[in-house]
Every structure is written in C-alpha cells, then in structure tokens.
Amino acid sequence: MNDNIILNTDSYKMGHYPLYPDTCIYMQSYLESRCEKSQKLVYFGLQYIMKRYFEGVVVTENDVYEAYEFANKHFGRNDVFNLEGWLYIARDLGGKLPIRIYSLPEGTITHANRPLVVVESTDPKVFWIVNYIESILSKLWYSISVATNSYEIKKVLDKYTKLTSTKELNLFGLHDFGDRGVSSSETAGIGAMSNLVNFMGSDTISGILYAQKYYNTSAMVGYNIPATEHSVMTSHLNGNSELKALKLLLKNYPDGLIACVSDSYDIVKFIKKDIASLKNEILSRNGTLVIRPDSGDPVYTSKFVFNLLADIFDAERNSKGYWVLNPKVRIIYGDGVNKQTIEAILDNFYSYDISIDNIIFGSGGALLQKFNRDTYKFAFKTCFMKHLVGNKVIESPIFKQPYEFDTKGNYSKSYKTSKSGDLLSKYNDLKLVFENGRLVNECTFEEVRSLASAEF
C-alpha cells in the first residue's frame, strides 16, 4: 500500500482546515481510554507508530500532488484539499511533521480515564496537523488492548501460581498461537509484540521481529519448542499414524521440551495406549513431552488428560499439597483459550488439588484479534487551543460534553465527556518523545518489559 501519510487518514479530515477559526495558532489533543478509572492498562505501542509513520521526512511534493489529485476525484470538487498547507510542510518544513508528542513511559501499568499521549502543534501555520494524524495515533488502542489483556491473564496465572506452586510465575505460561487468526501481517506483528511485553513464548515470528526493529534490541525476545500439528500426526501410512509420528518426534528431538497434539482421532486411546507404550522412552528423555488436547470442553478435558497422564507417569504432592505430574510430561491447552477459559481450568484444577505447574496455555484469536476500539473505550480528542487576536494570544480550553438517552429514555451526561485545558501542565509524568520529525527518549524492549513486570 501507498505510504503517503496525507492519505493515511479519514478523508473528511482533509476539509477541516478552513473550518477552524482563522485566529487559531495552536492545537493540543490527547488519547485516553474512557473506561472507569479502576481499569488498569498496560501502555505500549507508540514507538512503533512513531518509527513506522512519523520519523524523518514523511511528506514530499509528490505526496502532496498525489493526495491533491486523489482528493479532487474523491470529493468531486477541487476546493477541499489543503494544497497550500501541505506544500508548506513539504517545502518549508522539509517534509517533517510539525508536532510534539508527549507520552507515558512504554510498559507503564496505569489506569484508564487519563491522558496516555498528548500531541501539540509546533507551527501556527499548520496547527491542524495534530488532529489530521488522529487516525494513525488512535491505532494505539490495539497494542494497548492486547498488552492489557495478556497482563490480566498474567495476573490470573500469578494468582494460581501463588496458591498451588512452589515455583516462580512461569513467563511461558501463555503462548501466542495467533498469527493465522488475525486480519493482516501488520496486525500479527503489533499484536504478538504487545503480548511479548508480558510473556516469552510465541509462534508469531513477526512479533519478535517488530520488537527487535522498533524497540532497539537484538535480543531474542520470544521462544518456541518443536511441536507437531494434525497434518504431521495423520500423515503416516498403514494405520497407527499418531504413534508413528510420536516415535519420530521422540527420535528427532531427544532433548528438551517438545509438544504433541493428541486428539487427531481418539485422545483417550492415544494417551492410554500409544503414549503409555512409549513410557520408558519418554521417561529416559532429557526433556519434557507436552501433550496438547485440541477439542472438547476445556475444563473437563484438561482435568481428564491430567488424570490419564497421572495414571501412567504418576504424580506427587508438592510442599503446598498440590499434585504435580512427573516432570517428563506436561499439558498445554490451546483450543478456545481466553482469560475466562484459563480461570475456569485453573479453578477446576485448584478444586482437585492440582498445581498450575502441570499446564500452560496457548491462545490465538482471543489473544490477538478479539478486540476493538471500544473494548477499552479509546478516544482521541482536542483539549486546548490558542488564538492570536490582534497582538494578544488567547488560550482556549476545548471540550465536548454530550448528553444522551438510555434505553428507558432517561437523558443524562454521557461518559464521552472529554478533558479540557493544557494537559501538559496537569500531567507531569508525560515526557517528550517526538519533536518535528525526530524521536527523542527512545526506549528498548527490555525497558518496556521491566516496567510492565513491576507488579509481579
């Protein structure tokens, strides 16, 4: 797709510049989640947006004329597009965006209903640029939503770790299966990177590459293990395909963690007969075989699989009194997994004195895709303007305060009321991160992870 930033907007914004007062010389806007203040958020993703879309020269004369031609055809008239303003940015400002962006440190665990990002104009001739880029900046809702969701799952895992385990919280406890379940490759990269803020296991390569490229690290930030899929388990001739595939898995990967999907036909038969027949080989391996159910009710199935494995490989109570399988075998549940599923499985385990040590989780669509901008009620709004009247600068707080009807016809103030005034004077934890085409105060992925893990 074309990287012309002028066309990377809601097209109605092209015609807004002549509708602002001709006295206006400054604009300030902000991004927030309009949820209740008690809702915690993991703030993440701005540096990707700034590096991908805003850094350096992003407006050329060719971009301007391409957008001008598009707008004239799109609107069916030639008086909408701000040709003079965009040529000013391309020529006089060197193609760099005349804005400053202030932000919380990425990885910060904060609360909703406060500014996460504040943007201000730096050139009075093109102050309108602040809201023109709303469509790009507003996409922060996605990375924050994914990071927040996996943080909430991390809290669930931490709870049951403290209840039932003698070990530290397992940062591989939630594994990303989401690449094929999202709407685009960019979504996969952003979403998987956002989950990696909290966890370390992932099948989504692009998330690792995004973290390395956009968050200044050469470290490997996501890991995986050899694992089968149904095509592998069902590919062998002359019957007993699952058993043959498992034998090859054990033979080709004699060390370390390996995972085997186990329900291609009959999971009970596969575990009781095929896995049991290879008990000695599994016990003699220098590593762990992870069994993956992939169908059925998650709560019942996970407990049933635990019982089958315990019958074959035994289990012992840890010092807290919870059952733990022989360390040569474990379970990963990855079908229909979300926060609610995980809570239900672990609560069921807890009720039967089974430790969280026996299981980890894989999640795909529910981890990276099942969100929208309203999940945490994100909005980007203007809060403050300055006007030049004669020789006097007049400051003007800007806000919206709608009233709305509920289903019963009651008329009251909406939660969509916005903040007003100079937010930079009210929130001193917002730091300058971008100015006139240049990133300042860049962060690394390690720094993001450190902040996000502060509560654990």
Foldseek 3Di string as FASTA:
>chain_A
DDLLLLPLFDLQLQQCVVVDDPQFQKFKWFKFQLDPQPQKWQQDDPLLLCVVRAFDQRAALVSLVVVQVVSCVVVVHNPRGPSVLSVCCVPVLVRHAQKWKWAFPHLATGTGPATGMMMMGRGRVPRSVRVRCCSSVLVSLQLGVLLSQLLLLQVLQQVQCVQAHPDHRALQQEEEPACVPADDLVLLLSLLLSNLLRHAEYPRVSVQVSQCPRFPDPDRSHDDAAEDDLCQQPVDPDDPSNLVSVVVVCVVDLAEEYEYEQPNPNNLCCLQPRVLVCVVSLVPGNYAYEYEYADDQLQVVVVVVVVSQCVRQNWDADPSGATDGDRNYAYEYEYPDGSVSVSNNSVSSVVVRHGPNRYGYYYHCRSRPPDDCNVSRMDMGIFKIWGCDPNDIDIDGDWDWDWDQDPVRDIGTDSRTDHHDDVCVVDVSTGTQDRRNDGDPRHHSVVSSVNNPVVD
